[in-house]
Amino acid sequence: MKIGLGCDHGGYNLKLEIINYLKSKNIEYVDFGTNNSEDSVDYPIYGEKVANAVISKEVDYGIVCCGTGIGISLAANKVPGIRCAVVSDVFSAKMSKAHNNANMLSLGERVLGKGLAIEIVEAWLNTEFEGDRHSRRVSMIKDIEQRYSK
């Protein structure tokens, strides 16, 4: 499994915590930036970079961080085929993968403590898509996306 990571300045420290976690589990990752917590940067740049890496299959999944997780997820979700879930609890993390087949996870550094954030990442990475009736619903989401992507 290879994970794409991205953040703006508001999610930089949380991204570092996630990197430490991934290293401890020997999970391969690609860091798409930002690599500077001091300068304000635009989160859409990093959300799009990670989303493109997921769609091109350069990475298997993406995890992005900003202050709340909201802005960077909105940017990522503009890339066709991305289902980026903003999550702030373990149950939602599991369900975003099990029922919605989320291929990206978005977290807010200003919303979550690092311990909870790592629990969320671990739960999300270790949850499998259940398929079955959920596949039909994910296909319906894809159909909506295609209708509005013209």
N, C-alpha and C. Protein backbone atom coordinates (compact mmCIF):
# COMPACT_ATOMS: atom_id res chain seq x y z
N MET A 1 0.84 -1.17 0.00
CA MET A 1 0.00 0.00 0.00
C MET A 1 0.89 1.24 0.00
N LYS A 2 0.52 2.21 -0.85
CA LYS A 2 1.26 3.47 -0.91
C LYS A 2 0.25 4.61 -0.71
N ILE A 3 0.59 5.53 0.18
CA ILE A 3 -0.28 6.63 0.55
C ILE A 3 0.29 7.95 0.05
N GLY A 4 -0.54 8.76 -0.57
CA GLY A 4 -0.16 10.11 -0.95
C GLY A 4 -0.57 11.06 0.16
N LEU A 5 0.32 11.97 0.52
CA LEU A 5 0.06 12.93 1.59
C LEU A 5 0.17 14.35 1.07
N GLY A 6 -0.68 15.22 1.58
CA GLY A 6 -0.59 16.63 1.23
C GLY A 6 -1.20 17.47 2.33
N CYS A 7 -0.75 18.72 2.40
CA CYS A 7 -1.28 19.63 3.42
C CYS A 7 -0.96 21.06 3.04
N ASP A 8 -1.65 21.97 3.72
CA ASP A 8 -1.24 23.36 3.68
C ASP A 8 -0.54 23.65 5.00
N HIS A 9 -0.24 24.92 5.25
CA HIS A 9 0.45 25.30 6.49
C HIS A 9 -0.36 24.93 7.74
N GLY A 10 -1.69 24.96 7.64
CA GLY A 10 -2.55 24.64 8.78
C GLY A 10 -2.59 23.17 9.13
N GLY A 11 -2.15 22.32 8.24
CA GLY A 11 -2.15 20.88 8.49
C GLY A 11 -0.77 20.27 8.51
N TYR A 12 0.25 21.13 8.45
CA TYR A 12 1.63 20.66 8.32
C TYR A 12 2.06 19.75 9.48
N ASN A 13 1.84 20.17 10.71
CA ASN A 13 2.28 19.37 11.86
C ASN A 13 1.54 18.04 11.95
N LEU A 14 0.27 18.04 11.58
CA LEU A 14 -0.48 16.79 11.58
C LEU A 14 0.06 15.85 10.51
N LYS A 15 0.41 16.38 9.35
CA LYS A 15 1.00 15.55 8.30
C LYS A 15 2.28 14.89 8.82
N LEU A 16 3.10 15.64 9.56
CA LEU A 16 4.32 15.05 10.13
C LEU A 16 4.01 13.90 11.08
N GLU A 17 2.96 14.03 11.87
CA GLU A 17 2.55 12.94 12.78
C GLU A 17 2.12 11.72 11.98
N ILE A 18 1.39 11.95 10.89
CA ILE A 18 0.94 10.84 10.05
C ILE A 18 2.14 10.17 9.39
N ILE A 19 3.10 10.94 8.95
CA ILE A 19 4.33 10.37 8.38
C ILE A 19 5.02 9.47 9.39
N ASN A 20 5.13 9.94 10.63
CA ASN A 20 5.76 9.11 11.68
C ASN A 20 5.00 7.81 11.88
N TYR A 21 3.67 7.89 11.86
CA TYR A 21 2.85 6.68 12.00
C TYR A 21 3.11 5.73 10.83
N LEU A 22 3.06 6.25 9.61
CA LEU A 22 3.27 5.40 8.43
C LEU A 22 4.64 4.74 8.46
N LYS A 23 5.66 5.50 8.85
CA LYS A 23 7.00 4.93 8.97
C LYS A 23 7.02 3.80 9.99
N SER A 24 6.35 3.99 11.12
CA SER A 24 6.34 2.97 12.18
C SER A 24 5.67 1.69 11.73
N LYS A 25 4.78 1.78 10.74
CA LYS A 25 4.06 0.62 10.22
C LYS A 25 4.65 0.13 8.89
N ASN A 26 5.76 0.73 8.49
CA ASN A 26 6.41 0.39 7.21
C ASN A 26 5.47 0.53 6.02
N ILE A 27 4.65 1.58 6.06
CA ILE A 27 3.74 1.89 4.96
C ILE A 27 4.41 2.94 4.09
N GLU A 28 4.50 2.63 2.82
CA GLU A 28 5.14 3.55 1.86
C GLU A 28 4.24 4.77 1.66
N TYR A 29 4.88 5.92 1.46
CA TYR A 29 4.11 7.15 1.23
C TYR A 29 4.88 8.07 0.28
N VAL A 30 4.12 8.99 -0.32
CA VAL A 30 4.69 10.04 -1.14
C VAL A 30 4.18 11.35 -0.57
N ASP A 31 5.08 12.26 -0.25
CA ASP A 31 4.73 13.56 0.33
C ASP A 31 4.67 14.60 -0.78
N PHE A 32 3.48 15.13 -1.03
CA PHE A 32 3.27 16.12 -2.08
C PHE A 32 3.34 17.55 -1.56
N GLY A 33 3.73 17.74 -0.31
CA GLY A 33 3.88 19.07 0.26
C GLY A 33 2.63 19.52 0.99
N THR A 34 2.68 20.67 1.51
CA THR A 34 3.76 21.62 1.61
C THR A 34 4.80 21.09 2.58
N ASN A 35 6.00 21.60 2.43
CA ASN A 35 7.07 21.18 3.32
C ASN A 35 7.59 22.35 4.14
N ASN A 36 6.70 23.31 4.39
CA ASN A 36 7.07 24.48 5.17
C ASN A 36 5.86 24.93 5.97
N SER A 37 5.95 24.88 7.27
CA SER A 37 4.83 25.27 8.13
C SER A 37 4.77 26.77 8.37
N GLU A 38 5.79 27.48 7.99
CA GLU A 38 5.88 28.91 8.31
C GLU A 38 5.12 29.79 7.32
N ASP A 39 5.14 29.42 6.05
CA ASP A 39 4.54 30.27 5.02
C ASP A 39 3.13 29.81 4.69
N SER A 40 2.24 30.77 4.59
CA SER A 40 0.88 30.48 4.18
C SER A 40 0.89 30.00 2.72
N VAL A 41 0.21 28.89 2.47
CA VAL A 41 0.10 28.35 1.11
C VAL A 41 -1.37 28.06 0.83
N ASP A 42 -1.67 27.81 -0.42
CA ASP A 42 -3.04 27.58 -0.85
C ASP A 42 -3.37 26.10 -0.87
N TYR A 43 -4.29 25.69 0.01
CA TYR A 43 -4.64 24.27 0.14
C TYR A 43 -5.14 23.62 -1.15
N PRO A 44 -5.83 24.34 -2.07
CA PRO A 44 -6.28 23.64 -3.27
C PRO A 44 -5.15 23.01 -4.08
N ILE A 45 -3.98 23.61 -4.05
CA ILE A 45 -2.83 23.07 -4.80
C ILE A 45 -2.51 21.67 -4.31
N TYR A 46 -2.48 21.48 -3.01
CA TYR A 46 -2.07 20.21 -2.43
C TYR A 46 -3.18 19.17 -2.46
N GLY A 47 -4.42 19.61 -2.32
CA GLY A 47 -5.55 18.69 -2.47
C GLY A 47 -5.60 18.10 -3.86
N GLU A 48 -5.37 18.95 -4.86
CA GLU A 48 -5.39 18.50 -6.25
C GLU A 48 -4.21 17.58 -6.56
N LYS A 49 -3.03 17.91 -6.03
CA LYS A 49 -1.86 17.06 -6.29
C LYS A 49 -2.08 15.64 -5.79
N VAL A 50 -2.57 15.51 -4.58
CA VAL A 50 -2.79 14.18 -4.01
C VAL A 50 -3.92 13.47 -4.75
N ALA A 51 -4.99 14.19 -5.06
CA ALA A 51 -6.10 13.58 -5.79
C ALA A 51 -5.65 13.06 -7.15
N ASN A 52 -4.85 13.82 -7.86
CA ASN A 52 -4.34 13.37 -9.16
C ASN A 52 -3.47 12.12 -9.01
N ALA A 53 -2.71 12.05 -7.93
CA ALA A 53 -1.88 10.87 -7.69
C ALA A 53 -2.74 9.63 -7.43
N VAL A 54 -3.85 9.83 -6.74
CA VAL A 54 -4.77 8.70 -6.48
C VAL A 54 -5.41 8.25 -7.79
N ILE A 55 -5.91 9.18 -8.57
CA ILE A 55 -6.59 8.85 -9.82
C ILE A 55 -5.63 8.19 -10.82
N SER A 56 -4.39 8.66 -10.87
CA SER A 56 -3.41 8.08 -11.80
C SER A 56 -2.81 6.78 -11.28
N LYS A 57 -3.18 6.40 -10.06
CA LYS A 57 -2.70 5.18 -9.41
C LYS A 57 -1.21 5.23 -9.06
N GLU A 58 -0.68 6.46 -8.99
CA GLU A 58 0.68 6.63 -8.46
C GLU A 58 0.71 6.20 -6.99
N VAL A 59 -0.41 6.43 -6.30
CA VAL A 59 -0.60 5.99 -4.92
C VAL A 59 -1.95 5.27 -4.83
N ASP A 60 -2.12 4.48 -3.78
CA ASP A 60 -3.37 3.75 -3.60
C ASP A 60 -4.46 4.60 -2.96
N TYR A 61 -4.07 5.40 -1.99
CA TYR A 61 -5.00 6.25 -1.26
C TYR A 61 -4.32 7.58 -0.96
N GLY A 62 -5.14 8.58 -0.61
CA GLY A 62 -4.59 9.87 -0.23
C GLY A 62 -5.08 10.31 1.13
N ILE A 63 -4.21 11.00 1.84
CA ILE A 63 -4.58 11.64 3.12
C ILE A 63 -4.11 13.08 3.03
N VAL A 64 -5.04 13.99 3.27
CA VAL A 64 -4.74 15.41 3.20
C VAL A 64 -5.14 16.09 4.50
N CYS A 65 -4.44 17.18 4.81
CA CYS A 65 -4.69 17.90 6.06
C CYS A 65 -4.66 19.40 5.81
N CYS A 66 -5.55 20.10 6.47
CA CYS A 66 -5.48 21.56 6.56
C CYS A 66 -5.98 21.92 7.95
N GLY A 67 -6.32 23.14 8.19
CA GLY A 67 -6.76 23.54 9.53
C GLY A 67 -7.98 22.77 10.00
N THR A 68 -8.99 22.68 9.12
CA THR A 68 -10.23 21.97 9.47
C THR A 68 -10.41 20.67 8.70
N GLY A 69 -9.68 20.50 7.62
CA GLY A 69 -9.88 19.36 6.73
C GLY A 69 -10.91 19.64 5.65
N ILE A 70 -11.65 20.72 5.81
CA ILE A 70 -12.76 21.00 4.88
C ILE A 70 -12.26 21.54 3.55
N GLY A 71 -11.48 22.60 3.57
CA GLY A 71 -11.06 23.24 2.33
C GLY A 71 -10.30 22.31 1.41
N ILE A 72 -9.34 21.61 1.96
CA ILE A 72 -8.51 20.72 1.13
C ILE A 72 -9.33 19.55 0.58
N SER A 73 -10.34 19.11 1.33
CA SER A 73 -11.22 18.04 0.83
C SER A 73 -12.09 18.55 -0.30
N LEU A 74 -12.57 19.79 -0.20
CA LEU A 74 -13.38 20.35 -1.28
C LEU A 74 -12.59 20.40 -2.57
N ALA A 75 -11.33 20.81 -2.47
CA ALA A 75 -10.46 20.86 -3.66
C ALA A 75 -10.25 19.46 -4.22
N ALA A 76 -9.93 18.50 -3.36
CA ALA A 76 -9.69 17.13 -3.82
C ALA A 76 -10.93 16.55 -4.49
N ASN A 77 -12.09 16.83 -3.94
CA ASN A 77 -13.33 16.27 -4.47
C ASN A 77 -13.73 16.85 -5.82
N LYS A 78 -13.06 17.88 -6.29
CA LYS A 78 -13.32 18.41 -7.63
C LYS A 78 -12.67 17.56 -8.71
N VAL A 79 -11.73 16.70 -8.33
CA VAL A 79 -11.07 15.82 -9.30
C VAL A 79 -12.00 14.62 -9.52
N PRO A 80 -12.44 14.40 -10.76
CA PRO A 80 -13.36 13.29 -11.03
C PRO A 80 -12.81 11.96 -10.54
N GLY A 81 -13.66 11.22 -9.82
CA GLY A 81 -13.29 9.91 -9.30
C GLY A 81 -12.83 9.93 -7.86
N ILE A 82 -12.65 11.12 -7.30
CA ILE A 82 -12.22 11.21 -5.91
C ILE A 82 -13.43 11.24 -4.99
N ARG A 83 -13.31 10.48 -3.91
CA ARG A 83 -14.29 10.50 -2.82
C ARG A 83 -13.50 10.74 -1.55
N CYS A 84 -13.33 12.02 -1.22
CA CYS A 84 -12.52 12.44 -0.08
C CYS A 84 -13.44 12.78 1.08
N ALA A 85 -13.31 12.04 2.16
CA ALA A 85 -14.15 12.22 3.34
C ALA A 85 -13.43 13.02 4.41
N VAL A 86 -14.08 14.07 4.90
CA VAL A 86 -13.58 14.80 6.06
C VAL A 86 -14.07 14.05 7.29
N VAL A 87 -13.14 13.64 8.13
CA VAL A 87 -13.48 12.77 9.24
C VAL A 87 -12.89 13.31 10.54
N SER A 88 -13.68 13.22 11.61
CA SER A 88 -13.16 13.65 12.91
C SER A 88 -13.47 12.63 14.02
N ASP A 89 -13.86 11.41 13.61
CA ASP A 89 -14.05 10.33 14.59
C ASP A 89 -13.78 8.99 13.92
N VAL A 90 -13.49 8.00 14.71
CA VAL A 90 -13.09 6.69 14.22
C VAL A 90 -14.22 5.99 13.49
N PHE A 91 -15.44 6.07 14.00
CA PHE A 91 -16.57 5.40 13.36
C PHE A 91 -16.79 5.94 11.95
N SER A 92 -16.76 7.25 11.79
CA SER A 92 -16.95 7.84 10.46
C SER A 92 -15.82 7.44 9.52
N ALA A 93 -14.60 7.33 10.05
CA ALA A 93 -13.48 6.88 9.23
C ALA A 93 -13.76 5.50 8.67
N LYS A 94 -14.19 4.60 9.52
CA LYS A 94 -14.49 3.24 9.09
C LYS A 94 -15.62 3.23 8.05
N MET A 95 -16.67 3.96 8.32
CA MET A 95 -17.82 3.96 7.42
C MET A 95 -17.51 4.62 6.09
N SER A 96 -16.64 5.63 6.09
CA SER A 96 -16.30 6.29 4.83
C SER A 96 -15.63 5.32 3.87
N LYS A 97 -14.91 4.36 4.40
CA LYS A 97 -14.26 3.35 3.57
C LYS A 97 -15.19 2.17 3.33
N ALA A 98 -15.83 1.65 4.38
CA ALA A 98 -16.66 0.46 4.28
C ALA A 98 -17.89 0.67 3.40
N HIS A 99 -18.53 1.82 3.51
CA HIS A 99 -19.77 2.06 2.79
C HIS A 99 -19.61 2.98 1.58
N ASN A 100 -18.68 3.93 1.64
CA ASN A 100 -18.56 4.92 0.57
C ASN A 100 -17.33 4.73 -0.29
N ASN A 101 -16.50 3.77 0.06
CA ASN A 101 -15.25 3.48 -0.67
C ASN A 101 -14.43 4.76 -0.87
N ALA A 102 -14.32 5.55 0.20
CA ALA A 102 -13.54 6.78 0.14
C ALA A 102 -12.10 6.44 -0.23
N ASN A 103 -11.59 7.12 -1.24
CA ASN A 103 -10.21 6.89 -1.65
C ASN A 103 -9.26 7.96 -1.12
N MET A 104 -9.84 8.94 -0.43
CA MET A 104 -9.03 9.95 0.26
C MET A 104 -9.67 10.27 1.61
N LEU A 105 -8.82 10.60 2.55
CA LEU A 105 -9.21 10.99 3.90
C LEU A 105 -8.69 12.39 4.15
N SER A 106 -9.53 13.23 4.75
CA SER A 106 -9.12 14.59 5.06
C SER A 106 -9.29 14.84 6.55
N LEU A 107 -8.26 15.43 7.15
CA LEU A 107 -8.24 15.68 8.59
C LEU A 107 -7.89 17.13 8.88
N GLY A 108 -8.43 17.64 9.99
CA GLY A 108 -8.15 19.01 10.39
C GLY A 108 -7.24 19.07 11.60
N GLU A 109 -6.07 19.69 11.42
CA GLU A 109 -5.11 19.80 12.53
C GLU A 109 -5.67 20.63 13.68
N ARG A 110 -6.47 21.64 13.38
CA ARG A 110 -7.02 22.52 14.42
C ARG A 110 -8.26 21.93 15.06
N VAL A 111 -8.71 20.78 14.56
CA VAL A 111 -9.91 20.13 15.06
C VAL A 111 -9.58 18.89 15.89
N LEU A 112 -8.52 18.19 15.52
CA LEU A 112 -8.19 16.90 16.12
C LEU A 112 -6.89 16.97 16.91
N GLY A 113 -6.85 16.23 17.99
CA GLY A 113 -5.58 15.99 18.65
C GLY A 113 -4.83 14.93 17.87
N LYS A 114 -3.51 14.90 18.06
CA LYS A 114 -2.72 13.96 17.24
C LYS A 114 -3.04 12.51 17.56
N GLY A 115 -3.36 12.18 18.80
CA GLY A 115 -3.69 10.80 19.15
C GLY A 115 -4.94 10.32 18.42
N LEU A 116 -5.99 11.13 18.45
CA LEU A 116 -7.22 10.77 17.75
C LEU A 116 -6.99 10.72 16.25
N ALA A 117 -6.23 11.65 15.73
CA ALA A 117 -5.96 11.67 14.29
C ALA A 117 -5.30 10.37 13.85
N ILE A 118 -4.35 9.88 14.62
CA ILE A 118 -3.67 8.64 14.26
C ILE A 118 -4.62 7.45 14.38
N GLU A 119 -5.50 7.45 15.38
CA GLU A 119 -6.51 6.39 15.49
C GLU A 119 -7.40 6.39 14.26
N ILE A 120 -7.78 7.57 13.80
CA ILE A 120 -8.62 7.70 12.60
C ILE A 120 -7.88 7.15 11.38
N VAL A 121 -6.64 7.56 11.20
CA VAL A 121 -5.86 7.08 10.06
C VAL A 121 -5.75 5.56 10.10
N GLU A 122 -5.43 5.01 11.26
CA GLU A 122 -5.27 3.56 11.38
C GLU A 122 -6.58 2.84 11.06
N ALA A 123 -7.69 3.34 11.60
CA ALA A 123 -8.98 2.71 11.34
C ALA A 123 -9.32 2.77 9.85
N TRP A 124 -9.08 3.92 9.24
CA TRP A 124 -9.40 4.09 7.82
C TRP A 124 -8.55 3.18 6.94
N LEU A 125 -7.26 3.14 7.21
CA LEU A 125 -6.38 2.30 6.40
C LEU A 125 -6.68 0.81 6.55
N ASN A 126 -7.19 0.42 7.71
CA ASN A 126 -7.43 -1.00 7.98
C ASN A 126 -8.86 -1.44 7.68
N THR A 127 -9.67 -0.57 7.14
CA THR A 127 -11.05 -0.91 6.80
C THR A 127 -11.14 -1.19 5.30
N GLU A 128 -11.86 -2.21 4.95
CA GLU A 128 -12.08 -2.59 3.55
C GLU A 128 -13.47 -2.15 3.11
N PHE A 129 -13.60 -1.85 1.83
CA PHE A 129 -14.90 -1.55 1.23
C PHE A 129 -15.75 -2.81 1.26
N GLU A 130 -16.99 -2.71 1.72
CA GLU A 130 -17.86 -3.88 1.86
C GLU A 130 -18.51 -4.29 0.55
N GLY A 131 -18.54 -3.42 -0.43
CA GLY A 131 -19.15 -3.77 -1.71
C GLY A 131 -20.64 -4.00 -1.57
N ASP A 132 -21.17 -5.01 -2.26
CA ASP A 132 -22.57 -5.39 -2.22
C ASP A 132 -23.46 -4.18 -2.48
N ARG A 133 -24.43 -3.90 -1.62
CA ARG A 133 -25.37 -2.79 -1.86
C ARG A 133 -24.64 -1.45 -1.91
N HIS A 134 -23.50 -1.36 -1.26
CA HIS A 134 -22.75 -0.11 -1.25
C HIS A 134 -22.12 0.18 -2.61
N SER A 135 -21.81 -0.87 -3.36
CA SER A 135 -21.26 -0.68 -4.72
C SER A 135 -22.27 0.05 -5.59
N ARG A 136 -23.53 -0.31 -5.47
CA ARG A 136 -24.58 0.35 -6.25
C ARG A 136 -24.63 1.84 -5.91
N ARG A 137 -24.50 2.17 -4.66
CA ARG A 137 -24.58 3.57 -4.23
C ARG A 137 -23.35 4.36 -4.67
N VAL A 138 -22.18 3.75 -4.61
CA VAL A 138 -20.97 4.42 -5.10
C VAL A 138 -21.09 4.64 -6.60
N SER A 139 -21.66 3.67 -7.32
CA SER A 139 -21.89 3.85 -8.76
C SER A 139 -22.86 5.00 -9.02
N MET A 140 -23.84 5.16 -8.16
CA MET A 140 -24.78 6.28 -8.32
C MET A 140 -24.05 7.62 -8.13
N ILE A 141 -23.12 7.66 -7.20
CA ILE A 141 -22.32 8.88 -7.00
C ILE A 141 -21.51 9.17 -8.26
N LYS A 142 -20.92 8.14 -8.82
CA LYS A 142 -20.14 8.29 -10.06
C LYS A 142 -21.03 8.80 -11.20
N ASP A 143 -22.26 8.29 -11.27
CA ASP A 143 -23.19 8.75 -12.31
C ASP A 143 -23.51 10.23 -12.16
N ILE A 144 -23.73 10.67 -10.94
CA ILE A 144 -23.98 12.10 -10.70
C ILE A 144 -22.79 12.92 -11.15
N GLU A 145 -21.62 12.48 -10.79
CA GLU A 145 -20.39 13.18 -11.16
C GLU A 145 -20.28 13.30 -12.68
N GLN A 146 -20.55 12.23 -13.38
CA GLN A 146 -20.45 12.25 -14.85
C GLN A 146 -21.47 13.18 -15.47
N ARG A 147 -22.68 13.23 -14.93
CA ARG A 147 -23.71 14.12 -15.48
C ARG A 147 -23.31 15.59 -15.37
N TYR A 148 -22.59 15.93 -14.33
CA TYR A 148 -22.24 17.34 -14.11
C TYR A 148 -20.82 17.68 -14.58
N SER A 149 -20.11 16.73 -15.12
CA SER A 149 -18.73 16.95 -15.57
C SER A 149 -18.64 17.25 -17.06
N LYS A 150 -19.74 17.59 -17.66
CA LYS A 150 -19.75 17.82 -19.12
C LYS A 150 -19.34 19.24 -19.45
